Amino acid sequence: MAPKFVRDKHIQYIQSLDKKQDELEYWLSEHLRMNGVYWGLTALDLMGARDALPRDKMIEYVKSCQHANGGFGANPGHDEHILYTLSAIQILFIQGAMDEVDADLVAKYVCSLQNPQNGAVRGDLYADSEDTRFVYIAFQILALLDRLPQFDVDKAVEYIDSCKNYDGGYGMVPGAESHAGQIFVCVAALAIADRLDLVDRDLLSWWLCERQVPSGGLNGRPEKLPDVCYSWWVLSALAVLQRLDWIDGDRLREFILEAQDDELGGIADRKGDAVDVFHTLFGIAGLSLLGYEDLEPVDPIYCLPARVTKDLKYRRR
């Protein structure tokens, strides 16, 4: 018999995550706290349970992580980084609390991370490394803030295009191998910039659909194990490219549901492993993209509930 989606257990699991302050794991994961709040809140929203976490407390926490330059850290006292800044803005956007931040200040911080020479983006003010993830993150933050014109979008698009490979996929930097996670960020960024004309849709879609393995799950690149999180990275790109029917959704659904903890809730990377909130969100988001479990629709470009992004001007589907 096919496994069932244990919605109530997943809600309880996410609610329990902030009550584990007596466990070592809670403190060892402090550097992921802002991301974890976004993962948990988004998963709850897609399950129709956004109010299962206290809104005011969440907004107060996000604001406590902001630095004077506009960027956000993972937790109070942590350095600012574009990744945590995105999660902070996503949380506020879901909660309808964008008036709680100075949009121009945040936008100025994000724009300061762009390399004017090649259009690439750094993760923070102190890093030398640049890759396609940070371009997408910058695009999304600025789109949510309605400040995208302040960024050199054309130069950033040129950088993304320079990372395209012969197989139609994209890597982290020019010359790097194609990877499903990087493909998602590049395709989504090009969708925000209205430049999907640069994508070889059929060639890339074939590469993506070939990520499905006999178990029904998806991997990130050839010869790797399947992982529930690729239910998002692969499917989202296929959704943007309007090729979702190129994979077997029923088999993927079963793979995701088999990775659930039926007793305590949460979803793992694959059956038999420990659950975490990261895979819980991306498993649920994958099920949403496939239209299963009566979940709220997820936006494949922004990984936010579609109800909050429906009026965004920066999108192309």
Protein backbone atom coordinates (compact mmCIF):
# COMPACT_ATOMS: atom_id res chain seq x y z
CA MET A 1 0.00 0.00 0.00
CA ALA A 2 1.32 3.45 -0.92
CA PRO A 3 2.42 5.58 2.07
CA LYS A 4 0.20 8.45 3.17
CA PHE A 5 1.21 12.07 3.71
CA VAL A 6 1.23 12.65 7.48
CA ARG A 7 0.33 16.34 7.42
CA ASP A 8 -0.45 16.72 11.14
CA LYS A 9 2.79 15.00 12.11
CA HIS A 10 4.80 17.33 9.90
CA ILE A 11 3.14 20.38 11.45
CA GLN A 12 3.91 19.09 14.95
CA TYR A 13 7.52 18.32 13.95
CA ILE A 14 8.12 21.89 12.72
CA GLN A 15 6.48 23.34 15.83
CA SER A 16 8.80 21.25 18.00
CA LEU A 17 12.05 22.53 16.49
CA ASP A 18 12.32 25.64 18.66
CA LYS A 19 11.69 23.62 21.82
CA LYS A 20 14.93 21.66 21.66
CA GLN A 21 17.24 24.21 23.28
CA ASP A 22 18.49 21.60 25.72
CA GLU A 23 19.90 19.52 22.85
CA LEU A 24 23.42 19.95 21.43
CA GLU A 25 22.14 19.80 17.85
CA TYR A 26 20.14 22.97 18.42
CA TRP A 27 23.29 24.95 19.18
CA LEU A 28 25.42 23.26 16.53
CA SER A 29 22.88 24.37 13.91
CA GLU A 30 22.82 28.00 15.04
CA HIS A 31 24.45 29.06 11.76
CA LEU A 32 21.31 27.82 9.94
CA ARG A 33 18.70 29.37 12.23
CA MET A 34 17.40 32.04 9.83
CA ASN A 35 17.25 29.53 6.99
CA GLY A 36 15.50 27.05 9.27
CA VAL A 37 12.77 29.55 10.14
CA TYR A 38 12.16 30.15 6.43
CA TRP A 39 12.13 26.39 5.66
CA GLY A 40 9.70 25.68 8.48
CA LEU A 41 7.38 28.63 7.81
CA THR A 42 7.17 27.90 4.09
CA ALA A 43 6.45 24.21 4.68
CA LEU A 44 3.70 25.14 7.12
CA ASP A 45 2.20 27.64 4.69
CA LEU A 46 2.11 25.06 1.90
CA MET A 47 0.27 22.72 4.30
CA GLY A 48 -2.24 25.46 5.12
CA ALA A 49 -0.86 25.95 8.62
CA ARG A 50 1.06 29.23 8.46
CA ASP A 51 -0.35 30.33 11.82
CA ALA A 52 1.12 27.30 13.60
CA LEU A 53 4.13 29.49 14.52
CA PRO A 54 3.80 32.87 16.31
CA ARG A 55 3.96 35.66 13.72
CA ASP A 56 5.03 38.53 16.00
CA LYS A 57 7.81 36.53 17.63
CA MET A 58 9.11 35.51 14.21
CA ILE A 59 9.19 39.07 12.88
CA GLU A 60 10.95 40.27 16.04
CA TYR A 61 13.56 37.53 15.63
CA VAL A 62 14.23 38.45 11.99
CA LYS A 63 14.70 42.12 12.85
CA SER A 64 17.13 41.22 15.65
CA CYS A 65 19.45 39.65 13.06
CA GLN A 66 19.80 42.74 10.85
CA HIS A 67 23.06 44.71 10.69
CA ALA A 68 23.47 48.44 10.25
CA ASN A 69 24.44 47.98 6.59
CA GLY A 70 21.11 46.30 5.81
CA GLY A 71 22.25 42.68 5.64
CA PHE A 72 21.02 39.90 7.94
CA GLY A 73 22.91 37.23 9.85
CA ALA A 74 21.90 33.65 10.61
CA ASN A 75 21.23 34.51 14.25
CA PRO A 76 21.80 37.54 16.50
CA GLY A 77 25.53 38.20 16.66
CA HIS A 78 26.33 36.38 13.40
CA ASP A 79 27.88 38.19 10.43
CA GLU A 80 25.58 39.27 7.66
CA HIS A 81 25.42 37.19 4.46
CA ILE A 82 23.29 37.34 1.33
CA LEU A 83 21.89 33.84 1.99
CA TYR A 84 20.51 34.78 5.40
CA THR A 85 19.33 38.10 4.01
CA LEU A 86 17.22 36.22 1.47
CA SER A 87 15.66 34.00 4.13
CA ALA A 88 14.90 37.05 6.28
CA ILE A 89 13.17 38.86 3.43
CA GLN A 90 11.28 35.70 2.43
CA ILE A 91 9.98 35.32 5.98
CA LEU A 92 8.80 38.92 6.10
CA PHE A 93 7.24 38.59 2.64
CA ILE A 94 5.24 35.51 3.65
CA GLN A 95 4.13 37.25 6.83
CA GLY A 96 3.08 40.42 5.00
CA ALA A 97 5.59 42.42 7.06
CA MET A 98 7.79 44.07 4.45
CA ASP A 99 7.17 47.44 6.08
CA GLU A 100 9.29 46.24 9.02
CA VAL A 101 12.54 46.82 7.08
CA ASP A 102 14.14 49.67 5.14
CA ALA A 103 13.96 48.29 1.60
CA ASP A 104 16.45 50.79 0.22
CA LEU A 105 19.04 49.90 2.86
CA VAL A 106 18.72 46.18 2.19
CA ALA A 107 18.90 46.79 -1.56
CA LYS A 108 22.04 48.89 -1.14
CA TYR A 109 23.70 46.04 0.77
CA VAL A 110 22.77 43.50 -1.92
CA CYS A 111 23.95 45.72 -4.76
CA SER A 112 27.30 46.25 -2.99
CA LEU A 113 28.00 42.53 -3.42
CA GLN A 114 27.99 42.60 -7.24
CA ASN A 115 31.26 42.52 -9.13
CA PRO A 116 30.96 45.37 -11.68
CA GLN A 117 33.50 43.70 -13.95
CA ASN A 118 31.74 40.39 -14.65
CA GLY A 119 28.31 40.79 -13.05
CA ALA A 120 28.84 37.98 -10.53
CA VAL A 121 27.87 38.28 -6.87
CA ARG A 122 29.70 37.52 -3.62
CA GLY A 123 28.03 35.97 -0.61
CA ASP A 124 29.25 38.67 1.75
CA LEU A 125 31.52 41.71 1.90
CA TYR A 126 34.55 39.66 2.94
CA ALA A 127 34.46 36.80 0.43
CA ASP A 128 36.36 36.43 -2.80
CA SER A 129 34.24 33.57 -4.16
CA GLU A 130 31.40 34.27 -6.56
CA ASP A 131 28.92 31.86 -8.09
CA THR A 132 25.52 31.61 -9.72
CA ARG A 133 23.68 30.93 -6.44
CA PHE A 134 24.35 34.43 -5.22
CA VAL A 135 23.17 36.00 -8.48
CA TYR A 136 19.81 34.30 -8.09
CA ILE A 137 19.62 35.26 -4.42
CA ALA A 138 20.33 38.90 -5.26
CA PHE A 139 17.67 38.83 -7.98
CA GLN A 140 15.06 37.38 -5.64
CA ILE A 141 15.76 39.76 -2.76
CA LEU A 142 15.59 42.78 -5.03
CA ALA A 143 12.48 41.48 -6.78
CA LEU A 144 10.70 40.99 -3.46
CA LEU A 145 11.79 44.49 -2.41
CA ASP A 146 10.75 45.92 -5.80
CA ARG A 147 14.29 47.25 -6.23
CA LEU A 148 15.61 45.10 -9.11
CA PRO A 149 16.32 48.08 -11.42
CA GLN A 150 19.00 49.22 -8.94
CA PHE A 151 21.07 46.16 -9.93
CA ASP A 152 23.05 45.59 -13.14
CA VAL A 153 20.74 42.81 -14.30
CA ASP A 154 22.15 42.61 -17.83
CA LYS A 155 25.69 42.08 -16.57
CA ALA A 156 24.50 39.42 -14.13
CA VAL A 157 22.62 37.64 -16.91
CA GLU A 158 25.82 37.60 -18.98
CA TYR A 159 27.57 35.91 -16.07
CA ILE A 160 24.88 33.23 -15.82
CA ASP A 161 25.07 32.60 -19.55
CA SER A 162 28.85 32.17 -19.28
CA CYS A 163 28.20 29.28 -16.87
CA LYS A 164 26.11 27.31 -19.40
CA ASN A 165 27.52 23.95 -20.51
CA TYR A 166 27.34 21.84 -23.66
CA ASP A 167 24.66 19.64 -22.04
CA GLY A 168 22.35 22.61 -21.57
CA GLY A 169 22.96 22.75 -17.82
CA TYR A 170 24.69 25.31 -15.62
CA GLY A 171 27.52 25.17 -13.09
CA MET A 172 28.55 27.30 -10.12
CA VAL A 173 31.14 29.20 -12.16
CA PRO A 174 32.23 29.19 -15.81
CA GLY A 175 33.62 25.75 -16.67
CA ALA A 176 32.11 23.96 -13.66
CA GLU A 177 30.01 20.83 -14.22
CA SER A 178 26.24 21.00 -14.51
CA HIS A 179 24.37 20.41 -11.26
CA ALA A 180 20.63 20.41 -10.59
CA GLY A 181 20.91 22.95 -7.79
CA GLN A 182 22.81 25.39 -9.97
CA ILE A 183 20.43 24.78 -12.84
CA PHE A 184 17.51 25.81 -10.63
CA VAL A 185 19.14 29.06 -9.54
CA CYS A 186 20.16 29.95 -13.09
CA VAL A 187 16.79 29.14 -14.66
CA ALA A 188 14.91 30.94 -11.88
CA ALA A 189 17.19 33.98 -12.14
CA LEU A 190 16.69 34.11 -15.90
CA ALA A 191 12.93 33.87 -15.34
CA ILE A 192 13.03 36.85 -12.97
CA ALA A 193 15.11 38.76 -15.53
CA ASP A 194 12.76 37.72 -18.36
CA ARG A 195 15.67 36.09 -20.23
CA LEU A 196 14.56 32.47 -20.57
CA ASP A 197 15.30 32.87 -24.27
CA LEU A 198 18.91 32.04 -23.35
CA VAL A 199 17.95 28.54 -22.15
CA ASP A 200 18.03 25.52 -24.48
CA ARG A 201 14.73 24.23 -23.09
CA ASP A 202 14.62 20.77 -24.63
CA LEU A 203 18.29 19.94 -24.13
CA LEU A 204 18.23 21.09 -20.51
CA SER A 205 14.92 19.36 -19.81
CA TRP A 206 16.33 16.06 -21.07
CA TRP A 207 19.29 16.45 -18.71
CA LEU A 208 16.90 17.15 -15.84
CA CYS A 209 14.48 14.29 -16.50
CA GLU A 210 17.43 11.89 -16.68
CA ARG A 211 18.02 12.63 -13.00
CA GLN A 212 15.19 10.23 -12.13
CA VAL A 213 16.55 6.86 -11.00
CA PRO A 214 14.78 3.45 -10.71
CA SER A 215 13.64 4.16 -7.14
CA GLY A 216 11.63 7.11 -8.47
CA GLY A 217 13.80 9.68 -6.73
CA LEU A 218 15.92 12.36 -8.38
CA ASN A 219 19.65 12.98 -8.09
CA GLY A 220 21.64 16.16 -8.63
CA ARG A 221 24.04 14.85 -11.24
CA PRO A 222 24.85 11.52 -12.94
CA GLU A 223 25.86 8.52 -10.80
CA LYS A 224 24.78 10.10 -7.51
CA LEU A 225 22.23 8.84 -4.98
CA PRO A 226 18.70 10.22 -5.17
CA ASP A 227 17.78 12.82 -2.57
CA VAL A 228 14.40 14.27 -1.61
CA CYS A 229 15.70 17.84 -1.92
CA TYR A 230 16.12 17.34 -5.67
CA SER A 231 12.36 16.95 -5.79
CA TRP A 232 12.60 20.73 -5.62
CA TRP A 233 15.79 21.60 -7.51
CA VAL A 234 14.91 19.45 -10.54
CA LEU A 235 11.13 19.89 -10.56
CA SER A 236 11.22 23.65 -10.11
CA ALA A 237 13.39 24.09 -13.19
CA LEU A 238 11.17 21.72 -15.17
CA ALA A 239 8.11 23.66 -14.00
CA VAL A 240 9.58 26.97 -15.15
CA LEU A 241 10.47 25.34 -18.49
CA GLN A 242 6.95 23.83 -18.68
CA ARG A 243 8.28 20.27 -18.82
CA LEU A 244 6.98 18.79 -15.54
CA ASP A 245 5.40 15.89 -17.42
CA TRP A 246 8.85 14.69 -18.47
CA ILE A 247 9.30 12.81 -15.19
CA ASP A 248 7.19 10.09 -13.53
CA GLY A 249 5.38 12.02 -10.80
CA ASP A 250 3.75 8.98 -9.20
CA ARG A 251 7.08 7.24 -8.63
CA LEU A 252 8.65 10.43 -7.28
CA ARG A 253 5.71 10.96 -4.92
CA GLU A 254 6.23 7.49 -3.47
CA PHE A 255 9.96 8.13 -3.00
CA ILE A 256 9.23 11.33 -1.06
CA LEU A 257 6.54 9.78 1.12
CA GLU A 258 8.74 6.80 1.98
CA ALA A 259 11.27 9.27 3.43
CA GLN A 260 8.74 10.53 6.02
CA ASP A 261 8.90 9.76 9.72
CA ASP A 262 5.37 8.41 10.17
CA GLU A 263 5.53 8.68 13.97
CA LEU A 264 7.21 12.02 14.69
CA GLY A 265 6.88 13.83 11.36
CA GLY A 266 9.46 15.37 9.09
CA ILE A 267 11.05 14.16 5.87
CA ALA A 268 14.61 12.85 5.36
CA ASP A 269 16.86 12.87 2.31
CA ARG A 270 15.83 9.26 1.65
CA LYS A 271 14.10 6.35 3.37
CA GLY A 272 15.69 5.29 6.65
CA ASP A 273 17.68 8.47 7.32
CA ALA A 274 17.10 11.13 9.98
CA VAL A 275 14.60 13.85 9.12
CA ASP A 276 15.36 17.59 9.04
CA VAL A 277 13.43 20.74 8.25
CA PHE A 278 15.42 21.39 5.02
CA HIS A 279 14.28 18.14 3.39
CA THR A 280 10.83 18.53 4.91
CA LEU A 281 10.29 21.78 3.03
CA PHE A 282 11.70 20.61 -0.28
CA GLY A 283 9.85 17.30 -0.16
CA ILE A 284 6.58 19.16 0.48
CA ALA A 285 7.42 21.72 -2.21
CA GLY A 286 8.05 18.89 -4.67
CA LEU A 287 4.70 17.31 -3.84
CA SER A 288 3.07 20.72 -4.31
CA LEU A 289 4.62 21.17 -7.76
CA LEU A 290 3.27 17.75 -8.71
CA GLY A 291 -0.21 18.63 -7.45
CA TYR A 292 -0.39 15.98 -4.73
CA GLU A 293 -1.63 15.90 -1.10
CA ASP A 294 -3.98 18.90 -1.45
CA LEU A 295 -1.10 21.29 -0.75
CA GLU A 296 -1.07 25.00 -1.46
CA PRO A 297 0.60 25.86 -4.80
CA VAL A 298 4.29 26.76 -4.57
CA ASP A 299 5.94 29.30 -6.87
CA PRO A 300 8.71 27.43 -8.78
CA ILE A 301 10.74 30.62 -9.26
CA TYR A 302 10.76 31.94 -5.70
CA CYS A 303 10.08 28.82 -3.56
CA LEU A 304 7.38 30.78 -1.80
CA PRO A 305 3.64 30.13 -1.56
CA ALA A 306 2.14 31.20 -4.89
CA ARG A 307 -0.52 33.20 -3.07
CA VAL A 308 2.10 35.73 -1.91
CA THR A 309 3.95 36.02 -5.24
CA LYS A 310 1.00 36.24 -7.62
CA ASP A 311 1.28 40.02 -7.97
CA LEU A 312 5.07 40.24 -8.31
CA LYS A 313 6.11 42.09 -11.45
CA TYR A 314 9.39 40.17 -11.82
CA ARG A 315 8.46 36.73 -13.08
CA ARG A 316 8.14 34.74 -16.26
CA ARG A 317 6.47 31.35 -16.39
